[in-house]
Every structure is written in C-alpha cells, then in structure tokens.
C-alpha cells in the first residue's frame, strides 16, 4: 500500500478512495508521496481547518497573498452602496423637485408624486451602475486567481 496524500488538504487517502475523506477533493493527480507531509493535527498554511474558506482576518493577515480579500469585500460594498444610493437618491430627488417647483404654484401632493416617481428611477440607475462596476472588479480579481492557479499547475511535476 503506497502512501497517497491529498493535494488539497495533505491528509493521507486510502488507495481505493476516489475522493479525499477529509475534504472531499477528487483524487485525480494526487502524488504518491508528498514533498512534506503536514504535521499531525495541523492543516497546511493555505488550507483552513474543516470545509470552510479562510476567514476575513486570516486572509487579511496572510503574508503569502494566496487569497484575495477584495472578493470578500464586494458583497459588503454592494450592500453599503445600495444603502447610500437609496438615501442619496431620495435626498437629491427631493431637493431637485423642491427647487424645480419653487417658482410654480404646485401642491405638496404633486411634489411628493414627483419624488416618488423620480426617486426609484434614479436609485435603480445608480444600483445598476454599481453592480456593473463591482462585477467588473470581481472579474479582474477572478482572472488573477485563475491565472495564479494555472501557473501553480504548470509548476507541478
């Protein structure tokens, strides 16, 4: 029985197993002996314990720069941007309707109707622009991650 180790988590895998029992990674391409087996009870530096992805602070303090923190922040920026745009669009439309109707004899109901029509339109336009910009940013970082993985695969024997 040869010593077979998982390339993802470094744990020993039985010869007849098709996937690693520790992490579930497919067994294809697993070397028969690792360069350095991991210490008992410790996960390799680039793999978190269990099936979870590395946490925010672990990625933040990681000096190897194996993981990008930007992808973790995109969801936060999207939610924050939606909140800011909702408030900002409401205030901007409210002020614009008030200034535009200042010289006219317009009732408050008509001003409110103007705000209620223009505010969602402006909000949707701003959220679409935010979403497109964040997706562009995410795709750039995903390309960088994929390129890093491809370069690591080329360096494997």
C-alpha atoms as a PDB file:
ATOM      1  CA  UNK A   1       0.000   0.000   0.000  1.00  0.00           C
ATOM      2  CA  UNK A   2       1.615   3.240  -1.192  1.00  0.00           C
ATOM      3  CA  UNK A   3       1.381   6.440   0.785  1.00  0.00           C
ATOM      4  CA  UNK A   4      -1.117   8.615  -1.101  1.00  0.00           C
ATOM      5  CA  UNK A   5      -1.836  12.159   0.032  1.00  0.00           C
ATOM      6  CA  UNK A   6      -4.494  14.700  -0.963  1.00  0.00           C
ATOM      7  CA  UNK A   7      -3.154  17.688  -2.902  1.00  0.00           C
ATOM      8  CA  UNK A   8      -5.720  19.995  -1.310  1.00  0.00           C
ATOM      9  CA  UNK A   9      -5.524  19.205   2.426  1.00  0.00           C
ATOM     10  CA  UNK A  10      -2.419  16.984   2.641  1.00  0.00           C
ATOM     11  CA  UNK A  11      -4.160  14.189   4.557  1.00  0.00           C
ATOM     12  CA  UNK A  12      -3.476  10.540   3.759  1.00  0.00           C
ATOM     13  CA  UNK A  13      -6.005   8.990   1.349  1.00  0.00           C
ATOM     14  CA  UNK A  14      -6.720   5.234   1.052  1.00  0.00           C
ATOM     15  CA  UNK A  15      -5.638   3.672  -2.268  1.00  0.00           C
ATOM     16  CA  UNK A  16      -9.183   2.669  -3.224  1.00  0.00           C
ATOM     17  CA  UNK A  17     -10.768   6.074  -2.415  1.00  0.00           C
ATOM     18  CA  UNK A  18     -11.916   8.240  -5.309  1.00  0.00           C
ATOM     19  CA  UNK A  19     -12.188  11.375  -3.143  1.00  0.00           C
ATOM     20  CA  UNK A  20     -10.347  12.544  -0.040  1.00  0.00           C
ATOM     21  CA  UNK A  21     -12.288  11.558   3.098  1.00  0.00           C
ATOM     22  CA  UNK A  22     -11.114  14.736   4.871  1.00  0.00           C
ATOM     23  CA  UNK A  23     -12.013  17.455   2.385  1.00  0.00           C
ATOM     24  CA  UNK A  24     -13.885  15.713  -0.465  1.00  0.00           C
ATOM     25  CA  UNK A  25     -11.342  16.740  -3.128  1.00  0.00           C
ATOM     26  CA  UNK A  26     -11.213  14.404  -6.178  1.00  0.00           C
ATOM     27  CA  UNK A  27      -8.266  12.012  -6.136  1.00  0.00           C
ATOM     28  CA  UNK A  28      -7.027  12.655  -9.682  1.00  0.00           C
ATOM     29  CA  UNK A  29      -3.444  13.806  -9.878  1.00  0.00           C
ATOM     30  CA  UNK A  30      -2.539  13.003  -6.261  1.00  0.00           C
ATOM     31  CA  UNK A  31       1.198  12.305  -5.899  1.00  0.00           C
ATOM     32  CA  UNK A  32       2.247   9.033  -4.252  1.00  0.00           C
ATOM     33  CA  UNK A  33       4.402  10.839  -1.702  1.00  0.00           C
ATOM     34  CA  UNK A  34       4.163  14.483  -0.715  1.00  0.00           C
ATOM     35  CA  UNK A  35       7.187  16.712  -0.577  1.00  0.00           C
ATOM     36  CA  UNK A  36       6.486  17.315   3.101  1.00  0.00           C
ATOM     37  CA  UNK A  37       3.555  15.688   4.900  1.00  0.00           C
ATOM     38  CA  UNK A  38       1.692  18.095   7.197  1.00  0.00           C
ATOM     39  CA  UNK A  39       2.259  17.899  10.932  1.00  0.00           C
ATOM     40  CA  UNK A  40      -0.278  15.759  12.758  1.00  0.00           C
ATOM     41  CA  UNK A  41      -3.316  17.827  13.769  1.00  0.00           C
ATOM     42  CA  UNK A  42      -2.241  20.908  11.816  1.00  0.00           C
ATOM     43  CA  UNK A  43      -3.612  21.977   8.472  1.00  0.00           C
ATOM     44  CA  UNK A  44      -1.254  23.340   5.815  1.00  0.00           C
ATOM     45  CA  UNK A  45      -0.845  27.129   5.850  1.00  0.00           C
ATOM     46  CA  UNK A  46      -3.045  27.730   2.800  1.00  0.00           C
ATOM     47  CA  UNK A  47      -5.908  25.444   3.908  1.00  0.00           C
ATOM     48  CA  UNK A  48      -8.330  26.214   6.688  1.00  0.00           C
ATOM     49  CA  UNK A  49      -9.420  23.561   9.145  1.00  0.00           C
ATOM     50  CA  UNK A  50     -12.633  21.824   8.104  1.00  0.00           C
ATOM     51  CA  UNK A  51     -14.554  22.648   4.945  1.00  0.00           C
ATOM     52  CA  UNK A  52     -14.744  26.414   5.476  1.00  0.00           C
ATOM     53  CA  UNK A  53     -12.938  29.008   3.435  1.00  0.00           C
ATOM     54  CA  UNK A  54     -10.334  31.112   5.245  1.00  0.00           C
ATOM     55  CA  UNK A  55     -11.855  33.857   7.351  1.00  0.00           C
ATOM     56  CA  UNK A  56     -11.649  37.574   6.708  1.00  0.00           C
ATOM     57  CA  UNK A  57      -8.896  38.258   9.275  1.00  0.00           C
ATOM     58  CA  UNK A  58      -6.904  35.168   8.279  1.00  0.00           C
ATOM     59  CA  UNK A  59      -6.848  36.402   4.680  1.00  0.00           C
ATOM     60  CA  UNK A  60      -6.136  39.964   5.834  1.00  0.00           C
ATOM     61  CA  UNK A  61      -3.075  38.889   7.835  1.00  0.00           C
ATOM     62  CA  UNK A  62      -1.834  36.278   5.335  1.00  0.00           C
ATOM     63  CA  UNK A  63       1.566  37.364   4.035  1.00  0.00           C
ATOM     64  CA  UNK A  64       1.625  34.823   1.197  1.00  0.00           C
ATOM     65  CA  UNK A  65      -1.189  36.643  -0.666  1.00  0.00           C
ATOM     66  CA  UNK A  66      -2.690  33.313  -1.805  1.00  0.00           C
ATOM     67  CA  UNK A  67      -6.255  34.636  -1.414  1.00  0.00           C
ATOM     68  CA  UNK A  68      -7.672  37.982  -2.447  1.00  0.00           C
ATOM     69  CA  UNK A  69      -9.628  39.873   0.182  1.00  0.00           C
ATOM     70  CA  UNK A  70     -11.255  42.084  -2.441  1.00  0.00           C
ATOM     71  CA  UNK A  71     -13.714  39.371  -3.463  1.00  0.00           C
ATOM     72  CA  UNK A  72     -14.802  39.061   0.179  1.00  0.00           C
ATOM     73  CA  UNK A  73     -15.442  42.801   0.345  1.00  0.00           C
ATOM     74  CA  UNK A  74     -17.520  43.097  -2.833  1.00  0.00           C
ATOM     75  CA  UNK A  75     -20.734  41.922  -1.144  1.00  0.00           C
ATOM     76  CA  UNK A  76     -20.177  44.455   1.659  1.00  0.00           C
ATOM     77  CA  UNK A  77     -19.547  47.270  -0.829  1.00  0.00           C
ATOM     78  CA  UNK A  78     -22.664  46.341  -2.804  1.00  0.00           C
ATOM     79  CA  UNK A  79     -24.912  46.445   0.260  1.00  0.00           C
ATOM     80  CA  UNK A  80     -23.310  49.653   1.518  1.00  0.00           C
ATOM     81  CA  UNK A  81     -23.607  51.240  -1.937  1.00  0.00           C
ATOM     82  CA  UNK A  82     -27.296  50.324  -2.177  1.00  0.00           C
ATOM     83  CA  UNK A  83     -27.990  51.940   1.195  1.00  0.00           C
ATOM     84  CA  UNK A  84     -26.010  55.075   0.359  1.00  0.00           C
ATOM     85  CA  UNK A  85     -27.610  55.356  -3.084  1.00  0.00           C
ATOM     86  CA  UNK A  86     -31.102  54.892  -1.658  1.00  0.00           C
ATOM     87  CA  UNK A  87     -30.611  57.705   0.842  1.00  0.00           C
ATOM     88  CA  UNK A  88     -28.677  59.913  -1.575  1.00  0.00           C
ATOM     89  CA  UNK A  89     -31.127  59.465  -4.425  1.00  0.00           C
ATOM     90  CA  UNK A  90     -34.050  60.247  -2.150  1.00  0.00           C
ATOM     91  CA  UNK A  91     -32.425  63.445  -0.877  1.00  0.00           C
ATOM     92  CA  UNK A  92     -31.241  64.533  -4.344  1.00  0.00           C
ATOM     93  CA  UNK A  93     -34.626  63.959  -5.966  1.00  0.00           C
ATOM     94  CA  UNK A  94     -36.440  65.625  -3.077  1.00  0.00           C
ATOM     95  CA  UNK A  95     -34.236  68.721  -3.337  1.00  0.00           C
ATOM     96  CA  UNK A  96     -34.477  68.778  -7.143  1.00  0.00           C
ATOM     97  CA  UNK A  97     -38.273  68.561  -7.096  1.00  0.00           C
ATOM     98  CA  UNK A  98     -38.477  71.230  -4.391  1.00  0.00           C
ATOM     99  CA  UNK A  99     -36.140  73.602  -6.289  1.00  0.00           C
ATOM    100  CA  UNK A 100     -37.817  72.975  -9.632  1.00  0.00           C
ATOM    101  CA  UNK A 101     -41.313  73.581  -8.275  1.00  0.00           C
ATOM    102  CA  UNK A 102     -40.367  76.518  -6.059  1.00  0.00           C
ATOM    103  CA  UNK A 103     -41.467  79.186  -8.523  1.00  0.00           C
ATOM    104  CA  UNK A 104     -44.675  77.424  -9.501  1.00  0.00           C
ATOM    105  CA  UNK A 105     -47.901  77.035  -7.654  1.00  0.00           C
ATOM    106  CA  UNK A 106     -47.578  73.301  -7.065  1.00  0.00           C
ATOM    107  CA  UNK A 107     -49.202  71.437  -4.236  1.00  0.00           C
ATOM    108  CA  UNK A 108     -47.267  69.264  -1.829  1.00  0.00           C
ATOM    109  CA  UNK A 109     -49.063  66.213  -3.222  1.00  0.00           C
ATOM    110  CA  UNK A 110     -47.609  66.930  -6.668  1.00  0.00           C
ATOM    111  CA  UNK A 111     -44.138  67.380  -5.169  1.00  0.00           C
ATOM    112  CA  UNK A 112     -44.464  64.079  -3.320  1.00  0.00           C
ATOM    113  CA  UNK A 113     -45.642  62.383  -6.519  1.00  0.00           C
ATOM    114  CA  UNK A 114     -42.583  63.756  -8.337  1.00  0.00           C
ATOM    115  CA  UNK A 115     -40.284  62.422  -5.623  1.00  0.00           C
ATOM    116  CA  UNK A 116     -41.996  59.036  -5.607  1.00  0.00           C
ATOM    117  CA  UNK A 117     -41.625  58.716  -9.383  1.00  0.00           C
ATOM    118  CA  UNK A 118     -38.081  60.040  -9.800  1.00  0.00           C
ATOM    119  CA  UNK A 119     -36.512  58.524  -6.698  1.00  0.00           C
ATOM    120  CA  UNK A 120     -36.874  54.833  -7.654  1.00  0.00           C
ATOM    121  CA  UNK A 121     -35.714  55.571 -11.203  1.00  0.00           C
ATOM    122  CA  UNK A 122     -32.554  57.291 -10.010  1.00  0.00           C
ATOM    123  CA  UNK A 123     -31.960  54.571  -7.401  1.00  0.00           C
ATOM    124  CA  UNK A 124     -32.246  51.752  -9.964  1.00  0.00           C
ATOM    125  CA  UNK A 125     -29.892  53.518 -12.376  1.00  0.00           C
ATOM    126  CA  UNK A 126     -27.293  54.026  -9.644  1.00  0.00           C
ATOM    127  CA  UNK A 127     -27.577  50.423  -8.392  1.00  0.00           C
ATOM    128  CA  UNK A 128     -27.185  49.061 -11.931  1.00  0.00           C
ATOM    129  CA  UNK A 129     -24.046  51.159 -12.415  1.00  0.00           C
ATOM    130  CA  UNK A 130     -22.701  49.991  -9.033  1.00  0.00           C
ATOM    131  CA  UNK A 131     -23.443  46.359  -9.877  1.00  0.00           C
ATOM    132  CA  UNK A 132     -21.706  46.559 -13.262  1.00  0.00           C
ATOM    133  CA  UNK A 133     -18.661  48.231 -11.729  1.00  0.00           C
ATOM    134  CA  UNK A 134     -18.397  45.655  -8.923  1.00  0.00           C
ATOM    135  CA  UNK A 135     -18.840  42.746 -11.356  1.00  0.00           C
ATOM    136  CA  UNK A 136     -16.052  44.176 -13.491  1.00  0.00           C
ATOM    137  CA  UNK A 137     -13.838  44.448 -10.424  1.00  0.00           C
ATOM    138  CA  UNK A 138     -14.715  40.888  -9.343  1.00  0.00           C
ATOM    139  CA  UNK A 139     -13.945  39.511 -12.802  1.00  0.00           C
ATOM    140  CA  UNK A 140     -10.499  41.128 -12.755  1.00  0.00           C
ATOM    141  CA  UNK A 141      -9.694  39.505  -9.420  1.00  0.00           C
ATOM    142  CA  UNK A 142     -11.114  36.138 -10.514  1.00  0.00           C
ATOM    143  CA  UNK A 143      -8.922  36.269 -13.616  1.00  0.00           C
ATOM    144  CA  UNK A 144      -5.941  36.931 -11.357  1.00  0.00           C
ATOM    145  CA  UNK A 145      -6.873  33.976  -9.112  1.00  0.00           C
ATOM    146  CA  UNK A 146      -7.335  31.654 -12.092  1.00  0.00           C
ATOM    147  CA  UNK A 147      -4.042  32.770 -13.589  1.00  0.00           C
ATOM    148  CA  UNK A 148      -2.298  32.055 -10.283  1.00  0.00           C
ATOM    149  CA  UNK A 149      -3.855  28.573 -10.147  1.00  0.00           C
ATOM    150  CA  UNK A 150      -2.861  27.874 -13.754  1.00  0.00           C
ATOM    151  CA  UNK A 151       0.719  28.955 -13.073  1.00  0.00           C
ATOM    152  CA  UNK A 152       0.833  26.706  -9.991  1.00  0.00           C
ATOM    153  CA  UNK A 153      -0.486  23.777 -12.069  1.00  0.00           C
ATOM    154  CA  UNK A 154       2.240  24.335 -14.677  1.00  0.00           C
ATOM    155  CA  UNK A 155       4.907  24.194 -11.975  1.00  0.00           C
ATOM    156  CA  UNK A 156       3.717  20.790 -10.704  1.00  0.00           C
ATOM    157  CA  UNK A 157       5.785  17.819 -11.869  1.00  0.00           C
END
